[in-house]
Amino acid sequence: MDYFKRIQNAIEFIELNLREDLNIAEIASQACFSAFHFQRVFQAISGFTVQQYIRRRRLSEAAAQLKQSHHKVLDIAMEYQYNSQEAFTRAFEKSFGITPGKYRNSDMELPRQNRINFLDYQKKPKGDLDVDKPVILELEAIKIIGYKYNTNLNNEQHYKEIPGFYQHFGANEYFMCIPDKVAPGMSYGIACCFENDGAFSFVIGEAVEKEPKELAEGFIYMELPAGKYAEFDASGSNGRVENIRNYIYGTWLPNSNFERREGPDFEITDVMNSSYPDHLSMKVYIPIE
């Protein structure tokens, strides 16, 4: 069963349980994905988060009830998982620009969120991003020492924050704290420690020969697992890596014959041959099977 059908199974589960307390891990299990990977693929394909979709669908169904029934606003709010009429009113007004009471008594039509069909995305053009086919290769385990930052998928917070992490790392010369480097000047950026709520860690560091006896404050030691990876060339101006990652999760993986296996994905920047922000010499690696 392909990515689109699997995600559509999760959509059907959401629709059947719009009035219930929905758990992202349970939703993701309907697509046979981890919660984190499901959120990443969903967002890359659709352009909005799982939470945004659920909120829009609930508000759209609540709006229909306001027009079609005489139920109290509070009862409708509670039915669609809002703990109070005030919380429901705030969310409704933020989404539609009008309060539930005023909408019920008006003749206006609202732009509602219809049930999404992920099978339709298979028919849509994939855009004009110029991306070479990935190189499929086997890597040995890589020992890493790096500085750990925390970020989140929600509202694409990671795309906003990660460039700042690199700047912070360089400005503080944290690379000087890394001993026994294998390839000085080759900077690793590693996405790891994925949480169900979209939070994850981003480690910036370098490959080393051996595990250290001690670490500088804020640094961690980790190993990138050996195995099969898809290598994408993300070289170009600052921002291209964001487009490449969206392409990988929104287009390439769903249409490939590969599955993303467990483990971190990472990027390697050739610092000496990069000039921020005009040109970054960078490759992105995704663990696959």
C-alpha atoms as a PDB file:
ATOM      1  CA  MET A   1       0.000   0.000   0.000  1.00  0.00           C
ATOM      2  CA  ASP A   2       1.488   3.368  -1.017  1.00  0.00           C
ATOM      3  CA  TYR A   3       2.003   6.540   1.003  1.00  0.00           C
ATOM      4  CA  PHE A   4      -1.100   8.295  -0.303  1.00  0.00           C
ATOM      5  CA  LYS A   5      -3.445   5.404   0.508  1.00  0.00           C
ATOM      6  CA  ARG A   6      -1.875   5.002   3.920  1.00  0.00           C
ATOM      7  CA  ILE A   7      -2.328   8.664   4.772  1.00  0.00           C
ATOM      8  CA  GLN A   8      -5.890   8.532   3.455  1.00  0.00           C
ATOM      9  CA  ASN A   9      -6.569   5.714   5.943  1.00  0.00           C
ATOM     10  CA  ALA A  10      -5.517   8.125   8.682  1.00  0.00           C
ATOM     11  CA  ILE A  11      -7.785  10.829   7.228  1.00  0.00           C
ATOM     12  CA  GLU A  12     -10.753   8.456   7.358  1.00  0.00           C
ATOM     13  CA  PHE A  13      -9.914   7.701  10.990  1.00  0.00           C
ATOM     14  CA  ILE A  14      -9.815  11.444  11.766  1.00  0.00           C
ATOM     15  CA  GLU A  15     -13.185  11.959  10.088  1.00  0.00           C
ATOM     16  CA  LEU A  16     -14.794   9.149  12.066  1.00  0.00           C
ATOM     17  CA  ASN A  17     -13.465  10.616  15.302  1.00  0.00           C
ATOM     18  CA  LEU A  18     -13.739  14.394  14.823  1.00  0.00           C
ATOM     19  CA  ARG A  19     -15.943  14.600  17.907  1.00  0.00           C
ATOM     20  CA  GLU A  20     -13.508  12.549  20.001  1.00  0.00           C
ATOM     21  CA  ASP A  21     -10.185  13.345  21.637  1.00  0.00           C
ATOM     22  CA  LEU A  22      -7.692  12.525  18.875  1.00  0.00           C
ATOM     23  CA  ASN A  23      -4.187  11.290  19.638  1.00  0.00           C
ATOM     24  CA  ILE A  24      -1.513  11.892  16.987  1.00  0.00           C
ATOM     25  CA  ALA A  25       0.188   8.546  17.631  1.00  0.00           C
ATOM     26  CA  GLU A  26      -3.104   6.710  17.132  1.00  0.00           C
ATOM     27  CA  ILE A  27      -3.806   8.677  13.949  1.00  0.00           C
ATOM     28  CA  ALA A  28      -0.326   7.922  12.589  1.00  0.00           C
ATOM     29  CA  SER A  29      -0.718   4.228  13.344  1.00  0.00           C
ATOM     30  CA  GLN A  30      -3.576   4.097  10.820  1.00  0.00           C
ATOM     31  CA  ALA A  31      -0.975   4.967   8.167  1.00  0.00           C
ATOM     32  CA  CYS A  32       1.665   2.619   9.640  1.00  0.00           C
ATOM     33  CA  PHE A  33       3.971   5.573  10.357  1.00  0.00           C
ATOM     34  CA  SER A  34       5.601   6.887  13.494  1.00  0.00           C
ATOM     35  CA  ALA A  35       3.821   9.978  14.814  1.00  0.00           C
ATOM     36  CA  PHE A  36       6.735  12.258  13.912  1.00  0.00           C
ATOM     37  CA  HIS A  37       7.214  10.909  10.375  1.00  0.00           C
ATOM     38  CA  PHE A  38       3.468  11.040   9.722  1.00  0.00           C
ATOM     39  CA  GLN A  39       3.351  14.721  10.659  1.00  0.00           C
ATOM     40  CA  ARG A  40       6.370  15.510   8.479  1.00  0.00           C
ATOM     41  CA  VAL A  41       4.998  13.712   5.403  1.00  0.00           C
ATOM     42  CA  PHE A  42       1.468  15.093   5.897  1.00  0.00           C
ATOM     43  CA  GLN A  43       2.776  18.660   6.094  1.00  0.00           C
ATOM     44  CA  ALA A  44       5.190  18.287   3.168  1.00  0.00           C
ATOM     45  CA  ILE A  45       2.425  16.945   0.892  1.00  0.00           C
ATOM     46  CA  SER A  46      -0.532  19.105   1.954  1.00  0.00           C
ATOM     47  CA  GLY A  47       1.152  22.321   3.054  1.00  0.00           C
ATOM     48  CA  PHE A  48      -0.464  22.385   6.495  1.00  0.00           C
ATOM     49  CA  THR A  49      -0.091  20.434   9.714  1.00  0.00           C
ATOM     50  CA  VAL A  50      -2.237  17.565  10.973  1.00  0.00           C
ATOM     51  CA  GLN A  51      -3.349  19.751  13.873  1.00  0.00           C
ATOM     52  CA  GLN A  52      -4.373  22.553  11.493  1.00  0.00           C
ATOM     53  CA  TYR A  53      -6.410  20.108   9.421  1.00  0.00           C
ATOM     54  CA  ILE A  54      -8.213  18.710  12.460  1.00  0.00           C
ATOM     55  CA  ARG A  55      -8.942  22.208  13.796  1.00  0.00           C
ATOM     56  CA  ARG A  56     -10.248  23.433  10.424  1.00  0.00           C
ATOM     57  CA  ARG A  57     -12.430  20.345   9.954  1.00  0.00           C
ATOM     58  CA  ARG A  58     -13.920  20.648  13.440  1.00  0.00           C
ATOM     59  CA  LEU A  59     -14.658  24.341  12.989  1.00  0.00           C
ATOM     60  CA  SER A  60     -16.166  23.697   9.555  1.00  0.00           C
ATOM     61  CA  GLU A  61     -18.471  20.994  10.905  1.00  0.00           C
ATOM     62  CA  ALA A  62     -19.357  23.205  13.871  1.00  0.00           C
ATOM     63  CA  ALA A  63     -20.203  26.050  11.470  1.00  0.00           C
ATOM     64  CA  ALA A  64     -22.555  23.735   9.576  1.00  0.00           C
ATOM     65  CA  GLN A  65     -24.283  22.789  12.835  1.00  0.00           C
ATOM     66  CA  LEU A  66     -24.740  26.431  13.772  1.00  0.00           C
ATOM     67  CA  LYS A  67     -26.770  26.914  10.588  1.00  0.00           C
ATOM     68  CA  GLN A  68     -28.541  23.572  10.463  1.00  0.00           C
ATOM     69  CA  SER A  69     -29.515  23.048  14.106  1.00  0.00           C
ATOM     70  CA  HIS A  70     -30.849  24.892  17.121  1.00  0.00           C
ATOM     71  CA  HIS A  71     -28.246  23.430  19.460  1.00  0.00           C
ATOM     72  CA  LYS A  72     -26.701  25.817  21.941  1.00  0.00           C
ATOM     73  CA  VAL A  73     -23.309  27.261  21.008  1.00  0.00           C
ATOM     74  CA  LEU A  74     -21.844  25.719  24.171  1.00  0.00           C
ATOM     75  CA  ASP A  75     -23.147  22.265  23.239  1.00  0.00           C
ATOM     76  CA  ILE A  76     -21.615  22.525  19.766  1.00  0.00           C
ATOM     77  CA  ALA A  77     -18.343  23.742  21.273  1.00  0.00           C
ATOM     78  CA  MET A  78     -18.175  20.769  23.636  1.00  0.00           C
ATOM     79  CA  GLU A  79     -19.090  18.344  20.862  1.00  0.00           C
ATOM     80  CA  TYR A  80     -16.049  19.431  18.862  1.00  0.00           C
ATOM     81  CA  GLN A  81     -13.581  19.174  21.736  1.00  0.00           C
ATOM     82  CA  TYR A  82     -13.563  22.788  22.967  1.00  0.00           C
ATOM     83  CA  ASN A  83     -13.536  23.018  26.752  1.00  0.00           C
ATOM     84  CA  SER A  84     -15.564  26.233  26.905  1.00  0.00           C
ATOM     85  CA  GLN A  85     -17.737  28.486  24.785  1.00  0.00           C
ATOM     86  CA  GLU A  86     -15.094  31.201  25.121  1.00  0.00           C
ATOM     87  CA  ALA A  87     -12.346  28.996  23.680  1.00  0.00           C
ATOM     88  CA  PHE A  88     -14.617  27.935  20.819  1.00  0.00           C
ATOM     89  CA  THR A  89     -15.603  31.540  20.083  1.00  0.00           C
ATOM     90  CA  ARG A  90     -11.954  32.655  19.985  1.00  0.00           C
ATOM     91  CA  ALA A  91     -10.986  29.846  17.611  1.00  0.00           C
ATOM     92  CA  PHE A  92     -14.053  30.388  15.412  1.00  0.00           C
ATOM     93  CA  GLU A  93     -13.490  34.134  15.131  1.00  0.00           C
ATOM     94  CA  LYS A  94      -9.773  33.695  14.448  1.00  0.00           C
ATOM     95  CA  SER A  95     -10.533  31.246  11.648  1.00  0.00           C
ATOM     96  CA  PHE A  96     -13.558  32.923  10.056  1.00  0.00           C
ATOM     97  CA  GLY A  97     -13.463  36.543  11.212  1.00  0.00           C
ATOM     98  CA  ILE A  98     -16.895  36.368  12.847  1.00  0.00           C
ATOM     99  CA  THR A  99     -18.253  35.027  16.143  1.00  0.00           C
ATOM    100  CA  PRO A 100     -20.437  31.881  16.175  1.00  0.00           C
ATOM    101  CA  GLY A 101     -23.489  33.862  17.343  1.00  0.00           C
ATOM    102  CA  LYS A 102     -23.200  36.484  14.616  1.00  0.00           C
ATOM    103  CA  TYR A 103     -22.578  33.823  11.994  1.00  0.00           C
ATOM    104  CA  ARG A 104     -25.677  31.860  13.018  1.00  0.00           C
ATOM    105  CA  ASN A 105     -27.823  34.960  12.492  1.00  0.00           C
ATOM    106  CA  SER A 106     -26.165  36.025   9.246  1.00  0.00           C
ATOM    107  CA  ASP A 107     -26.606  35.091   5.585  1.00  0.00           C
ATOM    108  CA  MET A 108     -22.880  34.778   4.911  1.00  0.00           C
ATOM    109  CA  GLU A 109     -21.128  31.681   3.587  1.00  0.00           C
ATOM    110  CA  LEU A 110     -17.834  30.623   5.140  1.00  0.00           C
ATOM    111  CA  PRO A 111     -14.801  29.126   3.363  1.00  0.00           C
ATOM    112  CA  ARG A 112     -14.900  25.736   5.057  1.00  0.00           C
ATOM    113  CA  GLN A 113     -12.278  22.994   5.107  1.00  0.00           C
ATOM    114  CA  ASN A 114     -13.648  19.997   3.221  1.00  0.00           C
ATOM    115  CA  ARG A 115     -12.529  16.436   3.843  1.00  0.00           C
ATOM    116  CA  ILE A 116      -9.153  16.091   2.175  1.00  0.00           C
ATOM    117  CA  ASN A 117      -8.421  13.285  -0.291  1.00  0.00           C
ATOM    118  CA  PHE A 118      -4.722  12.495  -0.397  1.00  0.00           C
ATOM    119  CA  LEU A 119      -5.201  10.312  -3.467  1.00  0.00           C
ATOM    120  CA  ASP A 120      -5.745  13.551  -5.426  1.00  0.00           C
ATOM    121  CA  TYR A 121      -2.176  14.613  -4.678  1.00  0.00           C
ATOM    122  CA  GLN A 122      -0.895  11.785  -6.865  1.00  0.00           C
ATOM    123  CA  LYS A 123      -2.380  13.579  -9.871  1.00  0.00           C
ATOM    124  CA  LYS A 124      -1.010  17.014  -9.095  1.00  0.00           C
ATOM    125  CA  PRO A 125       2.106  18.401 -10.793  1.00  0.00           C
ATOM    126  CA  LYS A 126       5.206  18.142  -8.637  1.00  0.00           C
ATOM    127  CA  GLY A 127       6.482  21.676  -9.266  1.00  0.00           C
ATOM    128  CA  ASP A 128       9.568  22.868 -11.069  1.00  0.00           C
ATOM    129  CA  LEU A 129      12.236  22.360  -8.400  1.00  0.00           C
ATOM    130  CA  ASP A 130      15.409  21.207 -10.153  1.00  0.00           C
ATOM    131  CA  VAL A 131      16.524  18.146  -8.181  1.00  0.00           C
ATOM    132  CA  ASP A 132      18.909  15.450  -9.372  1.00  0.00           C
ATOM    133  CA  LYS A 133      18.064  11.842  -8.666  1.00  0.00           C
ATOM    134  CA  PRO A 134      19.441  10.787  -5.282  1.00  0.00           C
ATOM    135  CA  VAL A 135      22.442   8.528  -4.983  1.00  0.00           C
ATOM    136  CA  ILE A 136      21.569   5.354  -3.074  1.00  0.00           C
ATOM    137  CA  LEU A 137      24.513   4.235  -0.966  1.00  0.00           C
ATOM    138  CA  GLU A 138      25.552   2.167   2.019  1.00  0.00           C
ATOM    139  CA  LEU A 139      27.256   4.053   4.845  1.00  0.00           C
ATOM    140  CA  GLU A 140      29.223   2.744   7.772  1.00  0.00           C
ATOM    141  CA  ALA A 141      28.402   4.054  11.229  1.00  0.00           C
ATOM    142  CA  ILE A 142      29.669   7.619  11.788  1.00  0.00           C
ATOM    143  CA  LYS A 143      30.808   8.862  15.195  1.00  0.00           C
ATOM    144  CA  ILE A 144      29.678  12.437  15.910  1.00  0.00           C
ATOM    145  CA  ILE A 145      30.371  15.051  18.561  1.00  0.00           C
ATOM    146  CA  GLY A 146      28.024  18.011  18.369  1.00  0.00           C
ATOM    147  CA  TYR A 147      26.085  20.720  20.135  1.00  0.00           C
ATOM    148  CA  LYS A 148      22.409  19.943  20.731  1.00  0.00           C
ATOM    149  CA  TYR A 149      19.602  22.399  19.934  1.00  0.00           C
ATOM    150  CA  ASN A 150      15.831  21.885  20.317  1.00  0.00           C
ATOM    151  CA  THR A 151      13.179  22.820  17.779  1.00  0.00           C
ATOM    152  CA  ASN A 152       9.767  21.735  16.447  1.00  0.00           C
ATOM    153  CA  LEU A 153       7.934  20.871  13.217  1.00  0.00           C
ATOM    154  CA  ASN A 154       4.875  22.935  14.155  1.00  0.00           C
ATOM    155  CA  ASN A 155       4.404  26.065  12.048  1.00  0.00           C
ATOM    156  CA  GLU A 156       7.681  25.097  10.314  1.00  0.00           C
ATOM    157  CA  GLN A 157       9.507  26.400  13.380  1.00  0.00           C
ATOM    158  CA  HIS A 158      12.554  24.254  12.498  1.00  0.00           C
ATOM    159  CA  TYR A 159      13.064  26.018   9.170  1.00  0.00           C
ATOM    160  CA  LYS A 160      13.053  29.369  10.947  1.00  0.00           C
ATOM    161  CA  GLU A 161      15.392  28.290  13.743  1.00  0.00           C
ATOM    162  CA  ILE A 162      17.991  25.975  12.205  1.00  0.00           C
ATOM    163  CA  PRO A 163      19.897  28.711  10.279  1.00  0.00           C
ATOM    164  CA  GLY A 164      20.213  30.532  13.614  1.00  0.00           C
ATOM    165  CA  PHE A 165      21.584  27.367  15.227  1.00  0.00           C
ATOM    166  CA  TYR A 166      24.369  27.243  12.639  1.00  0.00           C
ATOM    167  CA  GLN A 167      25.150  30.924  13.203  1.00  0.00           C
ATOM    168  CA  HIS A 168      25.222  30.424  16.984  1.00  0.00           C
ATOM    169  CA  PHE A 169      27.495  27.398  16.599  1.00  0.00           C
ATOM    170  CA  GLY A 170      29.940  29.283  14.386  1.00  0.00           C
ATOM    171  CA  ALA A 171      29.888  32.582  16.286  1.00  0.00           C
ATOM    172  CA  ASN A 172      30.788  30.770  19.501  1.00  0.00           C
ATOM    173  CA  GLU A 173      33.471  28.702  17.723  1.00  0.00           C
ATOM    174  CA  TYR A 174      32.001  25.508  19.119  1.00  0.00           C
ATOM    175  CA  PHE A 175      33.861  23.579  16.406  1.00  0.00           C
ATOM    176  CA  MET A 176      37.002  24.249  18.458  1.00  0.00           C
ATOM    177  CA  CYS A 177      35.572  22.076  21.254  1.00  0.00           C
ATOM    178  CA  ILE A 178      35.496  18.946  19.081  1.00  0.00           C
ATOM    179  CA  PRO A 179      38.577  16.683  19.390  1.00  0.00           C
ATOM    180  CA  ASP A 180      39.893  13.983  17.028  1.00  0.00           C
ATOM    181  CA  LYS A 181      38.109  15.249  13.917  1.00  0.00           C
ATOM    182  CA  VAL A 182      37.947  12.948  10.902  1.00  0.00           C
ATOM    183  CA  ALA A 183      37.305  15.673   8.309  1.00  0.00           C
ATOM    184  CA  PRO A 184      37.681  19.230   9.623  1.00  0.00           C
ATOM    185  CA  GLY A 185      35.460  21.686   7.794  1.00  0.00           C
ATOM    186  CA  MET A 186      32.714  19.147   7.068  1.00  0.00           C
ATOM    187  CA  SER A 187      29.839  20.213   9.329  1.00  0.00           C
ATOM    188  CA  TYR A 188      27.039  17.786  10.196  1.00  0.00           C
ATOM    189  CA  GLY A 189      23.472  18.880  10.972  1.00  0.00           C
ATOM    190  CA  ILE A 190      21.487  15.971  12.413  1.00  0.00           C
ATOM    191  CA  ALA A 191      17.730  15.735  13.087  1.00  0.00           C
ATOM    192  CA  CYS A 192      17.109  13.257  15.906  1.00  0.00           C
ATOM    193  CA  CYS A 193      15.236  12.526  19.171  1.00  0.00           C
ATOM    194  CA  PHE A 194      11.826  12.803  17.514  1.00  0.00           C
ATOM    195  CA  GLU A 195       8.786  13.331  19.767  1.00  0.00           C
ATOM    196  CA  ASN A 196       5.114  12.677  19.006  1.00  0.00           C
ATOM    197  CA  ASP A 197       4.227  16.361  19.371  1.00  0.00           C
ATOM    198  CA  GLY A 198       6.631  17.365  16.573  1.00  0.00           C
ATOM    199  CA  ALA A 199       9.516  18.371  18.833  1.00  0.00           C
ATOM    200  CA  PHE A 200      12.984  17.129  17.925  1.00  0.00           C
ATOM    201  CA  SER A 201      16.659  17.853  18.452  1.00  0.00           C
ATOM    202  CA  PHE A 202      19.060  19.261  15.880  1.00  0.00           C
ATOM    203  CA  VAL A 203      22.706  18.474  16.537  1.00  0.00           C
ATOM    204  CA  ILE A 204      25.459  20.471  14.826  1.00  0.00           C
ATOM    205  CA  GLY A 205      28.911  18.936  14.929  1.00  0.00           C
ATOM    206  CA  GLU A 206      31.593  16.957  13.146  1.00  0.00           C
ATOM    207  CA  ALA A 207      32.642  13.361  12.584  1.00  0.00           C
ATOM    208  CA  VAL A 208      35.296  12.090  15.011  1.00  0.00           C
ATOM    209  CA  GLU A 209      37.624   9.115  15.250  1.00  0.00           C
ATOM    210  CA  LYS A 210      36.475   7.826  18.628  1.00  0.00           C
ATOM    211  CA  GLU A 211      34.105   8.372  21.531  1.00  0.00           C
ATOM    212  CA  PRO A 212      35.518  11.051  23.859  1.00  0.00           C
ATOM    213  CA  LYS A 213      36.268  10.512  27.533  1.00  0.00           C
ATOM    214  CA  GLU A 214      34.598  13.822  28.380  1.00  0.00           C
ATOM    215  CA  LEU A 215      32.523  16.450  26.609  1.00  0.00           C
ATOM    216  CA  ALA A 216      32.313  20.229  26.777  1.00  0.00           C
ATOM    217  CA  GLU A 217      29.093  21.600  28.292  1.00  0.00           C
ATOM    218  CA  GLY A 218      26.112  21.325  25.932  1.00  0.00           C
ATOM    219  CA  PHE A 219      27.816  18.792  23.647  1.00  0.00           C
ATOM    220  CA  ILE A 220      26.751  15.199  23.046  1.00  0.00           C
ATOM    221  CA  TYR A 221      28.293  12.133  21.474  1.00  0.00           C
ATOM    222  CA  MET A 222      26.199  10.058  19.070  1.00  0.00           C
ATOM    223  CA  GLU A 223      26.560   7.573  16.252  1.00  0.00           C
ATOM    224  CA  LEU A 224      24.790   7.766  12.919  1.00  0.00           C
ATOM    225  CA  PRO A 225      23.693   4.174  12.198  1.00  0.00           C
ATOM    226  CA  ALA A 226      25.225   2.198   9.365  1.00  0.00           C
ATOM    227  CA  GLY A 227      22.871   1.309   6.540  1.00  0.00           C
ATOM    228  CA  LYS A 228      21.292   2.428   3.307  1.00  0.00           C
ATOM    229  CA  TYR A 229      20.802   6.152   2.662  1.00  0.00           C
ATOM    230  CA  ALA A 230      19.493   8.344  -0.149  1.00  0.00           C
ATOM    231  CA  GLU A 231      21.924  11.204  -0.785  1.00  0.00           C
ATOM    232  CA  PHE A 232      20.492  14.435  -2.250  1.00  0.00           C
ATOM    233  CA  ASP A 233      22.562  17.355  -3.494  1.00  0.00           C
ATOM    234  CA  ALA A 234      21.116  20.436  -1.770  1.00  0.00           C
ATOM    235  CA  SER A 235      23.846  22.857  -2.855  1.00  0.00           C
ATOM    236  CA  GLY A 236      22.710  26.369  -3.670  1.00  0.00           C
ATOM    237  CA  SER A 237      21.561  29.531  -1.989  1.00  0.00           C
ATOM    238  CA  ASN A 238      20.312  29.587   1.588  1.00  0.00           C
ATOM    239  CA  GLY A 239      16.780  28.191   1.660  1.00  0.00           C
ATOM    240  CA  ARG A 240      17.291  25.516  -0.978  1.00  0.00           C
ATOM    241  CA  VAL A 241      17.759  22.832   1.665  1.00  0.00           C
ATOM    242  CA  GLU A 242      14.247  23.630   2.960  1.00  0.00           C
ATOM    243  CA  ASN A 243      12.841  23.098  -0.530  1.00  0.00           C
ATOM    244  CA  ILE A 244      14.848  19.899  -0.939  1.00  0.00           C
ATOM    245  CA  ARG A 245      13.549  18.475   2.338  1.00  0.00           C
ATOM    246  CA  ASN A 246       9.961  19.323   1.385  1.00  0.00           C
ATOM    247  CA  TYR A 247      10.582  17.641  -1.977  1.00  0.00           C
ATOM    248  CA  ILE A 248      12.006  14.534  -0.292  1.00  0.00           C
ATOM    249  CA  TYR A 249       9.083  14.061   2.104  1.00  0.00           C
ATOM    250  CA  GLY A 250       6.314  15.490  -0.069  1.00  0.00           C
ATOM    251  CA  THR A 251       7.249  14.073  -3.467  1.00  0.00           C
ATOM    252  CA  TRP A 252      10.207  11.702  -3.650  1.00  0.00           C
ATOM    253  CA  LEU A 253       9.452   9.308  -0.778  1.00  0.00           C
ATOM    254  CA  PRO A 254       5.705   8.976  -1.510  1.00  0.00           C
ATOM    255  CA  ASN A 255       6.474   8.199  -5.158  1.00  0.00           C
ATOM    256  CA  SER A 256       9.565   6.039  -4.666  1.00  0.00           C
ATOM    257  CA  ASN A 257       9.922   2.345  -3.936  1.00  0.00           C
ATOM    258  CA  PHE A 258      11.649   3.103  -0.644  1.00  0.00           C
ATOM    259  CA  GLU A 259      10.471   3.470   2.942  1.00  0.00           C
ATOM    260  CA  ARG A 260      12.123   5.785   5.425  1.00  0.00           C
ATOM    261  CA  ARG A 261      13.599   3.596   8.128  1.00  0.00           C
ATOM    262  CA  GLU A 262      14.052   4.604  11.753  1.00  0.00           C
ATOM    263  CA  GLY A 263      16.948   6.836  12.677  1.00  0.00           C
ATOM    264  CA  PRO A 264      18.225  10.381  12.150  1.00  0.00           C
ATOM    265  CA  ASP A 265      18.444  12.126   8.823  1.00  0.00           C
ATOM    266  CA  PHE A 266      21.308  14.527   8.396  1.00  0.00           C
ATOM    267  CA  GLU A 267      23.009  17.091   6.185  1.00  0.00           C
ATOM    268  CA  ILE A 268      26.709  17.680   5.554  1.00  0.00           C
ATOM    269  CA  THR A 269      27.994  21.148   4.682  1.00  0.00           C
ATOM    270  CA  ASP A 270      31.409  21.659   3.116  1.00  0.00           C
ATOM    271  CA  VAL A 271      32.168  24.811   5.100  1.00  0.00           C
ATOM    272  CA  MET A 272      35.350  25.732   3.226  1.00  0.00           C
ATOM    273  CA  ASN A 273      33.521  25.723  -0.130  1.00  0.00           C
ATOM    274  CA  SER A 274      30.413  27.521   1.130  1.00  0.00           C
ATOM    275  CA  SER A 275      29.615  31.217   1.285  1.00  0.00           C
ATOM    276  CA  TYR A 276      26.559  31.995   3.429  1.00  0.00           C
ATOM    277  CA  PRO A 277      23.915  32.924   2.302  1.00  0.00           C
ATOM    278  CA  ASP A 278      24.698  32.953  -1.435  1.00  0.00           C
ATOM    279  CA  HIS A 279      26.012  29.416  -1.803  1.00  0.00           C
ATOM    280  CA  LEU A 280      26.049  26.410   0.487  1.00  0.00           C
ATOM    281  CA  SER A 281      27.803  23.232  -0.582  1.00  0.00           C
ATOM    282  CA  MET A 282      25.516  20.724   1.094  1.00  0.00           C
ATOM    283  CA  LYS A 283      24.172  17.185   0.825  1.00  0.00           C
ATOM    284  CA  VAL A 284      21.177  15.681   2.627  1.00  0.00           C
ATOM    285  CA  TYR A 285      20.994  12.034   3.708  1.00  0.00           C
ATOM    286  CA  ILE A 286      17.770  10.132   4.444  1.00  0.00           C
ATOM    287  CA  PRO A 287      17.835   6.619   5.963  1.00  0.00           C
ATOM    288  CA  ILE A 288      15.872   4.234   3.729  1.00  0.00           C
ATOM    289  CA  GLU A 289      15.096   0.571   3.234  1.00  0.00           C
END
